[in-house]
């Protein structure tokens, strides 16, 4: 295992511990809606959204290289 995998697993473990310690229900207010939601569920939803945003944002800034044709390689 490399250092990146170990750090990722440690962070995931800390996230799981934090989630398990926050299981009480809280009032959530979003724009015009108000509802009760478990902190555990809220943390998981925000975590998943963060992962998707983290995967999408770097792809927007990477410039794709034009593919070389066989004619250009010769």
PDB file of N, CA and C in Angstrom:
ATOM      1  N   UNK A   1       0.849  -1.187   0.000  1.00  0.00           N
ATOM      2  CA  UNK A   1       0.000   0.000   0.000  1.00  0.00           C
ATOM      3  C   UNK A   1       0.886   1.239   0.000  1.00  0.00           C
ATOM      4  N   UNK A   2       0.489   2.186  -0.804  1.00  0.00           N
ATOM      5  CA  UNK A   2       1.247   3.430  -0.822  1.00  0.00           C
ATOM      6  C   UNK A   2       0.676   4.418   0.198  1.00  0.00           C
ATOM      7  N   UNK A   3       1.364   5.514   0.373  1.00  0.00           N
ATOM      8  CA  UNK A   3       0.983   6.502   1.395  1.00  0.00           C
ATOM      9  C   UNK A   3      -0.392   7.110   1.102  1.00  0.00           C
ATOM     10  N   UNK A   4      -0.707   7.302  -0.167  1.00  0.00           N
ATOM     11  CA  UNK A   4      -1.996   7.897  -0.527  1.00  0.00           C
ATOM     12  C   UNK A   4      -3.157   6.989  -0.107  1.00  0.00           C
ATOM     13  N   UNK A   5      -3.010   5.686  -0.282  1.00  0.00           N
ATOM     14  CA  UNK A   5      -4.043   4.731   0.120  1.00  0.00           C
ATOM     15  C   UNK A   5      -4.210   4.706   1.636  1.00  0.00           C
ATOM     16  N   UNK A   6      -3.111   4.737   2.346  1.00  0.00           N
ATOM     17  CA  UNK A   6      -3.160   4.707   3.810  1.00  0.00           C
ATOM     18  C   UNK A   6      -3.837   5.962   4.349  1.00  0.00           C
ATOM     19  N   UNK A   7      -3.477   7.112   3.812  1.00  0.00           N
ATOM     20  CA  UNK A   7      -4.097   8.371   4.250  1.00  0.00           C
ATOM     21  C   UNK A   7      -5.583   8.367   3.928  1.00  0.00           C
ATOM     22  N   UNK A   8      -5.946   7.866   2.751  1.00  0.00           N
ATOM     23  CA  UNK A   8      -7.351   7.780   2.368  1.00  0.00           C
ATOM     24  C   UNK A   8      -8.144   6.891   3.306  1.00  0.00           C
ATOM     25  N   UNK A   9      -7.580   5.737   3.674  1.00  0.00           N
ATOM     26  CA  UNK A   9      -8.258   4.840   4.604  1.00  0.00           C
ATOM     27  C   UNK A   9      -8.385   5.449   6.002  1.00  0.00           C
ATOM     28  N   UNK A  10      -7.353   6.161   6.446  1.00  0.00           N
ATOM     29  CA  UNK A  10      -7.429   6.833   7.750  1.00  0.00           C
ATOM     30  C   UNK A  10      -8.511   7.910   7.759  1.00  0.00           C
ATOM     31  N   UNK A  11      -8.580   8.680   6.701  1.00  0.00           N
ATOM     32  CA  UNK A  11      -9.611   9.714   6.609  1.00  0.00           C
ATOM     33  C   UNK A  11     -11.007   9.110   6.539  1.00  0.00           C
ATOM     34  N   UNK A  12     -11.140   8.012   5.808  1.00  0.00           N
ATOM     35  CA  UNK A  12     -12.432   7.329   5.742  1.00  0.00           C
ATOM     36  C   UNK A  12     -12.822   6.802   7.122  1.00  0.00           C
ATOM     37  N   UNK A  13     -11.855   6.259   7.857  1.00  0.00           N
ATOM     38  CA  UNK A  13     -12.121   5.786   9.216  1.00  0.00           C
ATOM     39  C   UNK A  13     -12.558   6.909  10.135  1.00  0.00           C
ATOM     40  N   UNK A  14     -11.892   8.052  10.040  1.00  0.00           N
ATOM     41  CA  UNK A  14     -12.286   9.211  10.854  1.00  0.00           C
ATOM     42  C   UNK A  14     -13.690   9.688  10.482  1.00  0.00           C
ATOM     43  N   UNK A  15     -14.001   9.659   9.189  1.00  0.00           N
ATOM     44  CA  UNK A  15     -15.342  10.055   8.737  1.00  0.00           C
ATOM     45  C   UNK A  15     -16.402   9.121   9.311  1.00  0.00           C
ATOM     46  N   UNK A  16     -16.131   7.824   9.301  1.00  0.00           N
ATOM     47  CA  UNK A  16     -17.097   6.853   9.828  1.00  0.00           C
ATOM     48  C   UNK A  16     -17.300   7.061  11.326  1.00  0.00           C
ATOM     49  N   UNK A  17     -16.222   7.282  12.075  1.00  0.00           N
ATOM     50  CA  UNK A  17     -16.337   7.535  13.512  1.00  0.00           C
ATOM     51  C   UNK A  17     -17.147   8.808  13.770  1.00  0.00           C
ATOM     52  N   UNK A  18     -16.884   9.859  12.998  1.00  0.00           N
ATOM     53  CA  UNK A  18     -17.626  11.111  13.170  1.00  0.00           C
ATOM     54  C   UNK A  18     -19.107  10.910  12.857  1.00  0.00           C
ATOM     55  N   UNK A  19     -19.406  10.128  11.845  1.00  0.00           N
ATOM     56  CA  UNK A  19     -20.806   9.865  11.497  1.00  0.00           C
ATOM     57  C   UNK A  19     -21.513   9.100  12.609  1.00  0.00           C
ATOM     58  N   UNK A  20     -20.857   8.091  13.127  1.00  0.00           N
ATOM     59  CA  UNK A  20     -21.488   7.272  14.159  1.00  0.00           C
ATOM     60  C   UNK A  20     -21.712   8.041  15.459  1.00  0.00           C
ATOM     61  N   UNK A  21     -20.960   9.099  15.677  1.00  0.00           N
ATOM     62  CA  UNK A  21     -21.141   9.895  16.886  1.00  0.00           C
ATOM     63  C   UNK A  21     -22.185  10.991  16.704  1.00  0.00           C
ATOM     64  N   UNK A  22     -22.697  11.160  15.506  1.00  0.00           N
ATOM     65  CA  UNK A  22     -23.670  12.218  15.220  1.00  0.00           C
ATOM     66  C   UNK A  22     -24.929  11.624  14.617  1.00  0.00           C
ATOM     67  N   UNK A  23     -25.686  10.889  15.429  1.00  0.00           N
ATOM     68  CA  UNK A  23     -26.873  10.224  14.903  1.00  0.00           C
ATOM     69  C   UNK A  23     -28.172  10.924  15.305  1.00  0.00           C
ATOM     70  N   UNK A  24     -28.097  12.007  16.048  1.00  0.00           N
ATOM     71  CA  UNK A  24     -29.320  12.670  16.486  1.00  0.00           C
ATOM     72  C   UNK A  24     -29.982  13.410  15.314  1.00  0.00           C
ATOM     73  N   UNK A  25     -31.253  13.689  15.473  1.00  0.00           N
ATOM     74  CA  UNK A  25     -32.048  14.358  14.443  1.00  0.00           C
ATOM     75  C   UNK A  25     -31.932  15.872  14.643  1.00  0.00           C
ATOM     76  N   UNK A  26     -31.747  16.589  13.537  1.00  0.00           N
ATOM     77  CA  UNK A  26     -31.646  18.053  13.583  1.00  0.00           C
ATOM     78  C   UNK A  26     -32.636  18.648  12.594  1.00  0.00           C
ATOM     79  N   UNK A  27     -33.009  19.899  12.830  1.00  0.00           N
ATOM     80  CA  UNK A  27     -33.893  20.616  11.912  1.00  0.00           C
ATOM     81  C   UNK A  27     -33.053  21.190  10.779  1.00  0.00           C
ATOM     82  N   UNK A  28     -33.485  20.950   9.564  1.00  0.00           N
ATOM     83  CA  UNK A  28     -32.772  21.434   8.375  1.00  0.00           C
ATOM     84  C   UNK A  28     -33.640  22.455   7.676  1.00  0.00           C
ATOM     85  N   UNK A  29     -33.063  23.594   7.355  1.00  0.00           N
ATOM     86  CA  UNK A  29     -33.767  24.647   6.628  1.00  0.00           C
ATOM     87  C   UNK A  29     -33.026  24.886   5.314  1.00  0.00           C
ATOM     88  N   UNK A  30     -33.739  24.716   4.198  1.00  0.00           N
ATOM     89  CA  UNK A  30     -33.156  24.912   2.882  1.00  0.00           C
ATOM     90  C   UNK A  30     -34.148  25.686   2.036  1.00  0.00           C
ATOM     91  N   UNK A  31     -33.751  26.902   1.676  1.00  0.00           N
ATOM     92  CA  UNK A  31     -34.602  27.824   0.918  1.00  0.00           C
ATOM     93  C   UNK A  31     -35.949  27.949   1.602  1.00  0.00           C
ATOM     94  N   UNK A  32     -37.014  27.402   1.015  1.00  0.00           N
ATOM     95  CA  UNK A  32     -38.348  27.550   1.592  1.00  0.00           C
ATOM     96  C   UNK A  32     -38.796  26.320   2.360  1.00  0.00           C
ATOM     97  N   UNK A  33     -37.967  25.301   2.396  1.00  0.00           N
ATOM     98  CA  UNK A  33     -38.337  24.051   3.040  1.00  0.00           C
ATOM     99  C   UNK A  33     -37.694  23.940   4.410  1.00  0.00           C
ATOM    100  N   UNK A  34     -38.383  23.229   5.268  1.00  0.00           N
ATOM    101  CA  UNK A  34     -37.852  22.940   6.599  1.00  0.00           C
ATOM    102  C   UNK A  34     -38.233  21.498   6.930  1.00  0.00           C
ATOM    103  N   UNK A  35     -37.254  20.702   7.326  1.00  0.00           N
ATOM    104  CA  UNK A  35     -37.532  19.310   7.638  1.00  0.00           C
ATOM    105  C   UNK A  35     -36.515  18.801   8.647  1.00  0.00           C
ATOM    106  N   UNK A  36     -36.843  17.696   9.290  1.00  0.00           N
ATOM    107  CA  UNK A  36     -35.946  17.058  10.254  1.00  0.00           C
ATOM    108  C   UNK A  36     -35.184  15.945   9.546  1.00  0.00           C
ATOM    109  N   UNK A  37     -33.872  15.881   9.808  1.00  0.00           N
ATOM    110  CA  UNK A  37     -33.023  14.884   9.177  1.00  0.00           C
ATOM    111  C   UNK A  37     -31.947  14.457  10.170  1.00  0.00           C
ATOM    112  N   UNK A  38     -31.537  13.221  10.072  1.00  0.00           N
ATOM    113  CA  UNK A  38     -30.467  12.717  10.920  1.00  0.00           C
ATOM    114  C   UNK A  38     -29.142  13.355  10.504  1.00  0.00           C
ATOM    115  N   UNK A  39     -28.330  13.722  11.484  1.00  0.00           N
ATOM    116  CA  UNK A  39     -27.003  14.272  11.161  1.00  0.00           C
ATOM    117  C   UNK A  39     -26.179  13.249  10.388  1.00  0.00           C
ATOM    118  N   UNK A  40     -26.355  11.979  10.717  1.00  0.00           N
ATOM    119  CA  UNK A  40     -25.647  10.911  10.019  1.00  0.00           C
ATOM    120  C   UNK A  40     -25.966  10.934   8.529  1.00  0.00           C
ATOM    121  N   UNK A  41     -27.244  10.991   8.203  1.00  0.00           N
ATOM    122  CA  UNK A  41     -27.658  11.031   6.798  1.00  0.00           C
ATOM    123  C   UNK A  41     -27.177  12.304   6.118  1.00  0.00           C
ATOM    124  N   UNK A  42     -27.246  13.415   6.811  1.00  0.00           N
ATOM    125  CA  UNK A  42     -26.789  14.687   6.260  1.00  0.00           C
ATOM    126  C   UNK A  42     -25.288  14.661   5.966  1.00  0.00           C
ATOM    127  N   UNK A  43     -24.501  14.105   6.879  1.00  0.00           N
ATOM    128  CA  UNK A  43     -23.056  13.992   6.658  1.00  0.00           C
ATOM    129  C   UNK A  43     -22.742  13.107   5.460  1.00  0.00           C
ATOM    130  N   UNK A  44     -23.455  11.999   5.328  1.00  0.00           N
ATOM    131  CA  UNK A  44     -23.217  11.093   4.203  1.00  0.00           C
ATOM    132  C   UNK A  44     -23.591  11.763   2.885  1.00  0.00           C
ATOM    133  N   UNK A  45     -24.705  12.475   2.849  1.00  0.00           N
ATOM    134  CA  UNK A  45     -25.123  13.178   1.624  1.00  0.00           C
ATOM    135  C   UNK A  45     -24.087  14.217   1.221  1.00  0.00           C
ATOM    136  N   UNK A  46     -23.628  15.011   2.170  1.00  0.00           N
ATOM    137  CA  UNK A  46     -22.628  16.040   1.879  1.00  0.00           C
ATOM    138  C   UNK A  46     -21.314  15.406   1.433  1.00  0.00           C
ATOM    139  N   UNK A  47     -20.931  14.277   2.033  1.00  0.00           N
ATOM    140  CA  UNK A  47     -19.713  13.569   1.662  1.00  0.00           C
ATOM    141  C   UNK A  47     -19.788  13.086   0.211  1.00  0.00           C
ATOM    142  N   UNK A  48     -20.911  12.480  -0.163  1.00  0.00           N
ATOM    143  CA  UNK A  48     -21.082  11.975  -1.526  1.00  0.00           C
ATOM    144  C   UNK A  48     -21.079  13.125  -2.537  1.00  0.00           C
ATOM    145  N   UNK A  49     -21.746  14.220  -2.216  1.00  0.00           N
ATOM    146  CA  UNK A  49     -21.737  15.393  -3.096  1.00  0.00           C
ATOM    147  C   UNK A  49     -20.315  15.917  -3.251  1.00  0.00           C
ATOM    148  N   UNK A  50     -19.564  15.951  -2.155  1.00  0.00           N
ATOM    149  CA  UNK A  50     -18.173  16.406  -2.213  1.00  0.00           C
ATOM    150  C   UNK A  50     -17.305  15.520  -3.088  1.00  0.00           C
ATOM    151  N   UNK A  51     -17.537  14.207  -3.029  1.00  0.00           N
ATOM    152  CA  UNK A  51     -16.774  13.299  -3.887  1.00  0.00           C
ATOM    153  C   UNK A  51     -17.079  13.565  -5.350  1.00  0.00           C
ATOM    154  N   UNK A  52     -18.361  13.708  -5.701  1.00  0.00           N
ATOM    155  CA  UNK A  52     -18.725  13.970  -7.095  1.00  0.00           C
ATOM    156  C   UNK A  52     -18.165  15.292  -7.582  1.00  0.00           C
ATOM    157  N   UNK A  53     -18.243  16.327  -6.767  1.00  0.00           N
ATOM    158  CA  UNK A  53     -17.693  17.627  -7.165  1.00  0.00           C
ATOM    159  C   UNK A  53     -16.180  17.529  -7.320  1.00  0.00           C
ATOM    160  N   UNK A  54     -15.535  16.796  -6.420  1.00  0.00           N
ATOM    161  CA  UNK A  54     -14.092  16.614  -6.511  1.00  0.00           C
ATOM    162  C   UNK A  54     -13.668  15.849  -7.747  1.00  0.00           C
ATOM    163  N   UNK A  55     -14.533  14.989  -8.264  1.00  0.00           N
ATOM    164  CA  UNK A  55     -14.222  14.255  -9.481  1.00  0.00           C
ATOM    165  C   UNK A  55     -14.511  15.079 -10.729  1.00  0.00           C
ATOM    166  N   UNK A  56     -15.509  15.945 -10.666  1.00  0.00           N
ATOM    167  CA  UNK A  56     -15.919  16.714 -11.845  1.00  0.00           C
ATOM    168  C   UNK A  56     -15.034  17.938 -12.060  1.00  0.00           C
ATOM    169  N   UNK A  57     -14.725  18.688 -11.019  1.00  0.00           N
ATOM    170  CA  UNK A  57     -13.990  19.944 -11.140  1.00  0.00           C
ATOM    171  C   UNK A  57     -12.627  19.779 -11.811  1.00  0.00           C
ATOM    172  N   UNK A  58     -11.790  18.825 -11.418  1.00  0.00           N
ATOM    173  CA  UNK A  58     -10.489  18.711 -12.097  1.00  0.00           C
ATOM    174  C   UNK A  58     -10.631  18.407 -13.592  1.00  0.00           C
ATOM    175  N   UNK A  59     -11.657  17.679 -13.970  1.00  0.00           N
ATOM    176  CA  UNK A  59     -11.881  17.366 -15.377  1.00  0.00           C
ATOM    177  C   UNK A  59     -12.206  18.588 -16.215  1.00  0.00           C
ATOM    178  N   UNK A  60     -12.727  19.618 -15.585  1.00  0.00           N
ATOM    179  CA  UNK A  60     -13.049  20.839 -16.323  1.00  0.00           C
ATOM    180  C   UNK A  60     -11.806  21.643 -16.676  1.00  0.00           C
ATOM    181  N   UNK A  61     -10.734  21.472 -15.900  1.00  0.00           N
ATOM    182  CA  UNK A  61      -9.533  22.267 -16.100  1.00  0.00           C
ATOM    183  C   UNK A  61      -8.442  21.548 -16.884  1.00  0.00           C
ATOM    184  N   UNK A  62      -8.604  20.254 -17.086  1.00  0.00           N
ATOM    185  CA  UNK A  62      -7.598  19.506 -17.844  1.00  0.00           C
ATOM    186  C   UNK A  62      -7.889  19.688 -19.331  1.00  0.00           C
ATOM    187  N   UNK A  63      -6.902  20.188 -20.037  1.00  0.00           N
ATOM    188  CA  UNK A  63      -7.069  20.382 -21.469  1.00  0.00           C
ATOM    189  C   UNK A  63      -6.741  19.073 -22.180  1.00  0.00           C
ATOM    190  N   UNK A  64      -7.626  18.670 -23.059  1.00  0.00           N
ATOM    191  CA  UNK A  64      -7.365  17.430 -23.787  1.00  0.00           C
ATOM    192  C   UNK A  64      -6.397  17.716 -24.930  1.00  0.00           C
ATOM    193  N   UNK A  65      -5.462  16.802 -25.093  1.00  0.00           N
ATOM    194  CA  UNK A  65      -4.484  16.941 -26.160  1.00  0.00           C
ATOM    195  C   UNK A  65      -5.097  16.436 -27.457  1.00  0.00           C
ATOM    196  N   UNK A  66      -4.826  17.113 -28.561  1.00  0.00           N
ATOM    197  CA  UNK A  66      -5.351  16.594 -29.828  1.00  0.00           C
ATOM    198  C   UNK A  66      -4.672  15.259 -30.160  1.00  0.00           C
ATOM    199  N   UNK A  67      -5.453  14.312 -30.610  1.00  0.00           N
ATOM    200  CA  UNK A  67      -4.906  13.002 -30.935  1.00  0.00           C
ATOM    201  C   UNK A  67      -4.094  13.091 -32.226  1.00  0.00           C
ATOM    202  N   UNK A  68      -2.943  12.467 -32.174  1.00  0.00           N
ATOM    203  CA  UNK A  68      -2.094  12.469 -33.357  1.00  0.00           C
ATOM    204  C   UNK A  68      -2.559  11.366 -34.294  1.00  0.00           C
ATOM    205  N   UNK A  69      -2.612  11.687 -35.562  1.00  0.00           N
ATOM    206  CA  UNK A  69      -2.972  10.685 -36.542  1.00  0.00           C
ATOM    207  C   UNK A  69      -1.740   9.934 -36.992  1.00  0.00           C
ATOM    208  N   UNK A  70      -1.924   8.863 -37.697  1.00  0.00           N
ATOM    209  CA  UNK A  70      -0.790   8.074 -38.169  1.00  0.00           C
ATOM    210  C   UNK A  70       0.058   8.876 -39.155  1.00  0.00           C
ATOM    211  N   UNK A  71      -0.555   9.796 -39.873  1.00  0.00           N
ATOM    212  CA  UNK A  71       0.183  10.612 -40.831  1.00  0.00           C
ATOM    213  C   UNK A  71       1.156  11.541 -40.108  1.00  0.00           C
ATOM    214  N   UNK A  72       0.751  12.088 -38.959  1.00  0.00           N
ATOM    215  CA  UNK A  72       1.613  13.009 -38.213  1.00  0.00           C
ATOM    216  C   UNK A  72       2.744  12.277 -37.522  1.00  0.00           C
ATOM    217  N   UNK A  73       2.563  11.004 -37.210  1.00  0.00           N
ATOM    218  CA  UNK A  73       3.595  10.256 -36.515  1.00  0.00           C
ATOM    219  C   UNK A  73       4.714   9.820 -37.445  1.00  0.00           C
ATOM    220  N   UNK A  74       4.450   9.695 -38.707  1.00  0.00           N
ATOM    221  CA  UNK A  74       5.475   9.200 -39.659  1.00  0.00           C
ATOM    222  C   UNK A  74       6.501  10.223 -39.991  1.00  0.00           C
TER     223      UNK A  74
END
